């Protein structure tokens, strides 16, 4: 059976999307994946990404956020 560990839950202020990040560990072993679940009313978008993709995506998000709030 696959084990899911909730890492973060938040709600986007515009559009009220519910965003949840989960760690996915398969019983067969191997690399853990990061699952992103986005709920918009009754519609769900779910995708699993590997650590390399998560790091690249996270870096891009941080770069964008910092550019929006220069200090």
PDB file of N, CA and C in Angstrom:
ATOM      1  N   UNK A   1       0.833  -1.181   0.000  1.00  0.00           N
ATOM      2  CA  UNK A   1       0.000   0.000   0.000  1.00  0.00           C
ATOM      3  C   UNK A   1       0.881   1.248   0.000  1.00  0.00           C
ATOM      4  N   UNK A   2       0.441   2.268  -0.684  1.00  0.00           N
ATOM      5  CA  UNK A   2       1.155   3.539  -0.755  1.00  0.00           C
ATOM      6  C   UNK A   2       0.919   4.332   0.521  1.00  0.00           C
ATOM      7  N   UNK A   3       1.994   4.940   1.053  1.00  0.00           N
ATOM      8  CA  UNK A   3       1.871   5.769   2.258  1.00  0.00           C
ATOM      9  C   UNK A   3       1.947   7.239   1.851  1.00  0.00           C
ATOM     10  N   UNK A   4       0.970   8.021   2.296  1.00  0.00           N
ATOM     11  CA  UNK A   4       0.924   9.457   2.029  1.00  0.00           C
ATOM     12  C   UNK A   4       1.153  10.205   3.339  1.00  0.00           C
ATOM     13  N   UNK A   5       2.044  11.196   3.310  1.00  0.00           N
ATOM     14  CA  UNK A   5       2.315  12.038   4.471  1.00  0.00           C
ATOM     15  C   UNK A   5       2.030  13.480   4.081  1.00  0.00           C
ATOM     16  N   UNK A   6       1.081  14.099   4.762  1.00  0.00           N
ATOM     17  CA  UNK A   6       0.733  15.483   4.475  1.00  0.00           C
ATOM     18  C   UNK A   6       1.872  16.398   4.921  1.00  0.00           C
ATOM     19  N   UNK A   7       2.311  17.297   4.047  1.00  0.00           N
ATOM     20  CA  UNK A   7       3.398  18.222   4.340  1.00  0.00           C
ATOM     21  C   UNK A   7       2.914  19.657   4.532  1.00  0.00           C
ATOM     22  N   UNK A   8       1.916  20.057   3.759  1.00  0.00           N
ATOM     23  CA  UNK A   8       1.443  21.439   3.803  1.00  0.00           C
ATOM     24  C   UNK A   8       0.049  21.520   3.218  1.00  0.00           C
ATOM     25  N   UNK A   9      -0.802  22.306   3.849  1.00  0.00           N
ATOM     26  CA  UNK A   9      -2.124  22.611   3.296  1.00  0.00           C
ATOM     27  C   UNK A   9      -2.283  24.120   3.358  1.00  0.00           C
ATOM     28  N   UNK A  10      -2.746  24.706   2.271  1.00  0.00           N
ATOM     29  CA  UNK A  10      -3.007  26.135   2.262  1.00  0.00           C
ATOM     30  C   UNK A  10      -4.117  26.456   1.284  1.00  0.00           C
ATOM     31  N   UNK A  11      -4.618  27.670   1.398  1.00  0.00           N
ATOM     32  CA  UNK A  11      -5.685  28.137   0.507  1.00  0.00           C
ATOM     33  C   UNK A  11      -5.201  29.408  -0.174  1.00  0.00           C
ATOM     34  N   UNK A  12      -5.269  29.422  -1.488  1.00  0.00           N
ATOM     35  CA  UNK A  12      -4.900  30.611  -2.251  1.00  0.00           C
ATOM     36  C   UNK A  12      -5.982  31.673  -2.042  1.00  0.00           C
ATOM     37  N   UNK A  13      -5.584  32.921  -1.755  1.00  0.00           N
ATOM     38  CA  UNK A  13      -6.586  33.948  -1.449  1.00  0.00           C
ATOM     39  C   UNK A  13      -7.477  34.315  -2.628  1.00  0.00           C
ATOM     40  N   UNK A  14      -6.961  34.278  -3.821  1.00  0.00           N
ATOM     41  CA  UNK A  14      -7.767  34.573  -5.012  1.00  0.00           C
ATOM     42  C   UNK A  14      -8.164  33.256  -5.662  1.00  0.00           C
ATOM     43  N   UNK A  15      -9.434  33.025  -5.808  1.00  0.00           N
ATOM     44  CA  UNK A  15      -9.902  31.787  -6.414  1.00  0.00           C
ATOM     45  C   UNK A  15     -10.183  30.695  -5.401  1.00  0.00           C
ATOM     46  N   UNK A  16      -9.694  30.848  -4.190  1.00  0.00           N
ATOM     47  CA  UNK A  16      -9.946  29.915  -3.082  1.00  0.00           C
ATOM     48  C   UNK A  16      -9.556  28.474  -3.395  1.00  0.00           C
ATOM     49  N   UNK A  17      -8.507  28.290  -4.181  1.00  0.00           N
ATOM     50  CA  UNK A  17      -8.033  26.938  -4.424  1.00  0.00           C
ATOM     51  C   UNK A  17      -7.414  26.381  -3.148  1.00  0.00           C
ATOM     52  N   UNK A  18      -7.684  25.120  -2.869  1.00  0.00           N
ATOM     53  CA  UNK A  18      -7.052  24.426  -1.755  1.00  0.00           C
ATOM     54  C   UNK A  18      -5.853  23.673  -2.307  1.00  0.00           C
ATOM     55  N   UNK A  19      -4.685  23.902  -1.736  1.00  0.00           N
ATOM     56  CA  UNK A  19      -3.447  23.290  -2.213  1.00  0.00           C
ATOM     57  C   UNK A  19      -2.895  22.423  -1.092  1.00  0.00           C
ATOM     58  N   UNK A  20      -2.587  21.175  -1.415  1.00  0.00           N
ATOM     59  CA  UNK A  20      -1.983  20.276  -0.435  1.00  0.00           C
ATOM     60  C   UNK A  20      -0.759  19.619  -1.052  1.00  0.00           C
ATOM     61  N   UNK A  21       0.323  19.595  -0.279  1.00  0.00           N
ATOM     62  CA  UNK A  21       1.530  18.875  -0.678  1.00  0.00           C
ATOM     63  C   UNK A  21       1.633  17.630   0.195  1.00  0.00           C
ATOM     64  N   UNK A  22       1.919  16.492  -0.440  1.00  0.00           N
ATOM     65  CA  UNK A  22       2.054  15.227   0.271  1.00  0.00           C
ATOM     66  C   UNK A  22       3.300  14.506  -0.205  1.00  0.00           C
ATOM     67  N   UNK A  23       3.950  13.790   0.699  1.00  0.00           N
ATOM     68  CA  UNK A  23       5.031  12.891   0.303  1.00  0.00           C
ATOM     69  C   UNK A  23       4.410  11.539  -0.004  1.00  0.00           C
ATOM     70  N   UNK A  24       4.792  10.955  -1.126  1.00  0.00           N
ATOM     71  CA  UNK A  24       4.277   9.664  -1.557  1.00  0.00           C
ATOM     72  C   UNK A  24       5.403   8.638  -1.447  1.00  0.00           C
ATOM     73  N   UNK A  25       5.188   7.616  -0.635  1.00  0.00           N
ATOM     74  CA  UNK A  25       6.151   6.523  -0.482  1.00  0.00           C
ATOM     75  C   UNK A  25       5.465   5.224  -0.889  1.00  0.00           C
ATOM     76  N   UNK A  26       6.029   4.576  -1.893  1.00  0.00           N
ATOM     77  CA  UNK A  26       5.456   3.321  -2.385  1.00  0.00           C
ATOM     78  C   UNK A  26       5.982   2.155  -1.562  1.00  0.00           C
ATOM     79  N   UNK A  27       5.154   1.147  -1.358  1.00  0.00           N
ATOM     80  CA  UNK A  27       5.574  -0.034  -0.612  1.00  0.00           C
ATOM     81  C   UNK A  27       6.756  -0.727  -1.271  1.00  0.00           C
ATOM     82  N   UNK A  28       6.828  -0.641  -2.587  1.00  0.00           N
ATOM     83  CA  UNK A  28       7.908  -1.308  -3.318  1.00  0.00           C
ATOM     84  C   UNK A  28       9.251  -0.621  -3.077  1.00  0.00           C
ATOM     85  N   UNK A  29       9.220   0.532  -2.444  1.00  0.00           N
ATOM     86  CA  UNK A  29      10.456   1.261  -2.186  1.00  0.00           C
ATOM     87  C   UNK A  29      10.797   2.196  -3.325  1.00  0.00           C
ATOM     88  N   UNK A  30      12.039   2.634  -3.341  1.00  0.00           N
ATOM     89  CA  UNK A  30      12.467   3.574  -4.370  1.00  0.00           C
ATOM     90  C   UNK A  30      12.358   5.004  -3.882  1.00  0.00           C
ATOM     91  N   UNK A  31      12.404   5.914  -4.812  1.00  0.00           N
ATOM     92  CA  UNK A  31      12.417   7.327  -4.481  1.00  0.00           C
ATOM     93  C   UNK A  31      11.035   7.793  -4.037  1.00  0.00           C
ATOM     94  N   UNK A  32      11.011   8.705  -3.073  1.00  0.00           N
ATOM     95  CA  UNK A  32       9.760   9.348  -2.670  1.00  0.00           C
ATOM     96  C   UNK A  32       9.396  10.396  -3.716  1.00  0.00           C
ATOM     97  N   UNK A  33       8.107  10.639  -3.855  1.00  0.00           N
ATOM     98  CA  UNK A  33       7.614  11.647  -4.787  1.00  0.00           C
ATOM     99  C   UNK A  33       6.878  12.719  -4.009  1.00  0.00           C
ATOM    100  N   UNK A  34       6.764  13.883  -4.603  1.00  0.00           N
ATOM    101  CA  UNK A  34       5.991  14.974  -4.026  1.00  0.00           C
ATOM    102  C   UNK A  34       4.682  15.067  -4.797  1.00  0.00           C
ATOM    103  N   UNK A  35       3.579  14.866  -4.098  1.00  0.00           N
ATOM    104  CA  UNK A  35       2.259  14.976  -4.728  1.00  0.00           C
ATOM    105  C   UNK A  35       1.701  16.361  -4.445  1.00  0.00           C
ATOM    106  N   UNK A  36       1.229  17.012  -5.487  1.00  0.00           N
ATOM    107  CA  UNK A  36       0.554  18.291  -5.370  1.00  0.00           C
ATOM    108  C   UNK A  36      -0.904  18.075  -5.738  1.00  0.00           C
ATOM    109  N   UNK A  37      -1.791  18.430  -4.821  1.00  0.00           N
ATOM    110  CA  UNK A  37      -3.235  18.316  -5.047  1.00  0.00           C
ATOM    111  C   UNK A  37      -3.819  19.724  -4.991  1.00  0.00           C
ATOM    112  N   UNK A  38      -4.484  20.117  -6.059  1.00  0.00           N
ATOM    113  CA  UNK A  38      -5.133  21.423  -6.115  1.00  0.00           C
ATOM    114  C   UNK A  38      -6.623  21.180  -6.324  1.00  0.00           C
ATOM    115  N   UNK A  39      -7.414  21.708  -5.406  1.00  0.00           N
ATOM    116  CA  UNK A  39      -8.865  21.550  -5.496  1.00  0.00           C
ATOM    117  C   UNK A  39      -9.493  22.895  -5.809  1.00  0.00           C
ATOM    118  N   UNK A  40     -10.269  22.912  -6.880  1.00  0.00           N
ATOM    119  CA  UNK A  40     -11.050  24.091  -7.260  1.00  0.00           C
ATOM    120  C   UNK A  40     -12.503  23.658  -7.308  1.00  0.00           C
ATOM    121  N   UNK A  41     -13.250  23.996  -6.269  1.00  0.00           N
ATOM    122  CA  UNK A  41     -14.650  23.575  -6.126  1.00  0.00           C
ATOM    123  C   UNK A  41     -14.696  22.044  -6.157  1.00  0.00           C
ATOM    124  N   UNK A  42     -15.288  21.425  -7.173  1.00  0.00           N
ATOM    125  CA  UNK A  42     -15.373  19.962  -7.214  1.00  0.00           C
ATOM    126  C   UNK A  42     -14.302  19.343  -8.115  1.00  0.00           C
ATOM    127  N   UNK A  43     -13.454  20.154  -8.707  1.00  0.00           N
ATOM    128  CA  UNK A  43     -12.425  19.653  -9.621  1.00  0.00           C
ATOM    129  C   UNK A  43     -11.094  19.522  -8.889  1.00  0.00           C
ATOM    130  N   UNK A  44     -10.388  18.420  -9.119  1.00  0.00           N
ATOM    131  CA  UNK A  44      -9.075  18.180  -8.533  1.00  0.00           C
ATOM    132  C   UNK A  44      -8.030  18.056  -9.629  1.00  0.00           C
ATOM    133  N   UNK A  45      -6.859  18.633  -9.387  1.00  0.00           N
ATOM    134  CA  UNK A  45      -5.688  18.412 -10.220  1.00  0.00           C
ATOM    135  C   UNK A  45      -4.650  17.784  -9.304  1.00  0.00           C
ATOM    136  N   UNK A  46      -4.137  16.627  -9.693  1.00  0.00           N
ATOM    137  CA  UNK A  46      -3.171  15.897  -8.874  1.00  0.00           C
ATOM    138  C   UNK A  46      -2.007  15.488  -9.755  1.00  0.00           C
ATOM    139  N   UNK A  47      -0.783  15.783  -9.294  1.00  0.00           N
ATOM    140  CA  UNK A  47       0.375  15.289 -10.019  1.00  0.00           C
ATOM    141  C   UNK A  47       1.504  15.001  -9.059  1.00  0.00           C
ATOM    142  N   UNK A  48       2.324  14.030  -9.424  1.00  0.00           N
ATOM    143  CA  UNK A  48       3.457  13.591  -8.615  1.00  0.00           C
ATOM    144  C   UNK A  48       4.743  13.966  -9.347  1.00  0.00           C
ATOM    145  N   UNK A  49       5.707  14.535  -8.599  1.00  0.00           N
ATOM    146  CA  UNK A  49       6.972  14.911  -9.221  1.00  0.00           C
ATOM    147  C   UNK A  49       8.147  14.368  -8.412  1.00  0.00           C
ATOM    148  N   UNK A  50       9.246  14.207  -9.091  1.00  0.00           N
ATOM    149  CA  UNK A  50      10.480  13.694  -8.494  1.00  0.00           C
ATOM    150  C   UNK A  50      11.224  14.827  -7.781  1.00  0.00           C
ATOM    151  N   UNK A  51      12.213  14.487  -6.937  1.00  0.00           N
ATOM    152  CA  UNK A  51      12.942  15.511  -6.191  1.00  0.00           C
ATOM    153  C   UNK A  51      13.627  16.564  -7.070  1.00  0.00           C
ATOM    154  N   UNK A  52      14.194  16.162  -8.202  1.00  0.00           N
ATOM    155  CA  UNK A  52      14.882  17.116  -9.080  1.00  0.00           C
ATOM    156  C   UNK A  52      13.894  18.155  -9.623  1.00  0.00           C
ATOM    157  N   UNK A  53      12.753  17.692 -10.085  1.00  0.00           N
ATOM    158  CA  UNK A  53      11.730  18.603 -10.613  1.00  0.00           C
ATOM    159  C   UNK A  53      11.196  19.508  -9.510  1.00  0.00           C
ATOM    160  N   UNK A  54      10.991  18.955  -8.306  1.00  0.00           N
ATOM    161  CA  UNK A  54      10.510  19.755  -7.176  1.00  0.00           C
ATOM    162  C   UNK A  54      11.501  20.864  -6.839  1.00  0.00           C
ATOM    163  N   UNK A  55      12.796  20.559  -6.866  1.00  0.00           N
ATOM    164  CA  UNK A  55      13.820  21.563  -6.557  1.00  0.00           C
ATOM    165  C   UNK A  55      13.825  22.682  -7.597  1.00  0.00           C
ATOM    166  N   UNK A  56      13.727  22.325  -8.869  1.00  0.00           N
ATOM    167  CA  UNK A  56      13.718  23.335  -9.934  1.00  0.00           C
ATOM    168  C   UNK A  56      12.468  24.200  -9.853  1.00  0.00           C
ATOM    169  N   UNK A  57      11.332  23.578  -9.602  1.00  0.00           N
ATOM    170  CA  UNK A  57      10.073  24.308  -9.490  1.00  0.00           C
ATOM    171  C   UNK A  57      10.109  25.225  -8.271  1.00  0.00           C
ATOM    172  N   UNK A  58      10.586  24.716  -7.146  1.00  0.00           N
ATOM    173  CA  UNK A  58      10.689  25.516  -5.934  1.00  0.00           C
ATOM    174  C   UNK A  58      11.597  26.719  -6.114  1.00  0.00           C
ATOM    175  N   UNK A  59      12.723  26.523  -6.777  1.00  0.00           N
ATOM    176  CA  UNK A  59      13.645  27.637  -7.024  1.00  0.00           C
ATOM    177  C   UNK A  59      12.986  28.706  -7.889  1.00  0.00           C
ATOM    178  N   UNK A  60      12.235  28.278  -8.900  1.00  0.00           N
ATOM    179  CA  UNK A  60      11.545  29.243  -9.766  1.00  0.00           C
ATOM    180  C   UNK A  60      10.472  30.005  -8.992  1.00  0.00           C
ATOM    181  N   UNK A  61       9.749  29.318  -8.114  1.00  0.00           N
ATOM    182  CA  UNK A  61       8.736  29.985  -7.292  1.00  0.00           C
ATOM    183  C   UNK A  61       9.371  31.014  -6.372  1.00  0.00           C
ATOM    184  N   UNK A  62      10.469  30.655  -5.717  1.00  0.00           N
ATOM    185  CA  UNK A  62      11.159  31.593  -4.834  1.00  0.00           C
ATOM    186  C   UNK A  62      11.692  32.799  -5.590  1.00  0.00           C
ATOM    187  N   UNK A  63      12.275  32.552  -6.758  1.00  0.00           N
ATOM    188  CA  UNK A  63      12.822  33.651  -7.562  1.00  0.00           C
ATOM    189  C   UNK A  63      11.713  34.625  -7.944  1.00  0.00           C
ATOM    190  N   UNK A  64      10.574  34.093  -8.359  1.00  0.00           N
ATOM    191  CA  UNK A  64       9.452  34.951  -8.734  1.00  0.00           C
ATOM    192  C   UNK A  64       8.943  35.731  -7.523  1.00  0.00           C
ATOM    193  N   UNK A  65       8.740  35.050  -6.386  1.00  0.00           N
ATOM    194  CA  UNK A  65       8.199  35.707  -5.184  1.00  0.00           C
ATOM    195  C   UNK A  65       9.119  36.816  -4.713  1.00  0.00           C
ATOM    196  N   UNK A  66      10.419  36.578  -4.729  1.00  0.00           N
ATOM    197  CA  UNK A  66      11.371  37.607  -4.291  1.00  0.00           C
ATOM    198  C   UNK A  66      11.371  38.805  -5.224  1.00  0.00           C
ATOM    199  N   UNK A  67      11.164  38.581  -6.500  1.00  0.00           N
ATOM    200  CA  UNK A  67      11.118  39.686  -7.469  1.00  0.00           C
ATOM    201  C   UNK A  67       9.861  40.539  -7.284  1.00  0.00           C
ATOM    202  N   UNK A  68       8.808  39.980  -6.711  1.00  0.00           N
ATOM    203  CA  UNK A  68       7.568  40.717  -6.502  1.00  0.00           C
ATOM    204  C   UNK A  68       7.632  41.593  -5.258  1.00  0.00           C
ATOM    205  N   UNK A  69       8.545  41.277  -4.350  1.00  0.00           N
ATOM    206  CA  UNK A  69       8.648  41.986  -3.073  1.00  0.00           C
ATOM    207  C   UNK A  69      10.094  42.397  -2.819  1.00  0.00           C
ATOM    208  N   UNK A  70      10.648  43.283  -3.654  1.00  0.00           N
ATOM    209  CA  UNK A  70      12.040  43.678  -3.455  1.00  0.00           C
ATOM    210  C   UNK A  70      12.196  44.448  -2.143  1.00  0.00           C
ATOM    211  N   UNK A  71      13.260  44.108  -1.402  1.00  0.00           N
ATOM    212  CA  UNK A  71      13.495  44.755  -0.107  1.00  0.00           C
ATOM    213  C   UNK A  71      14.834  45.441  -0.092  1.00  0.00           C
TER     214      UNK A  71
END
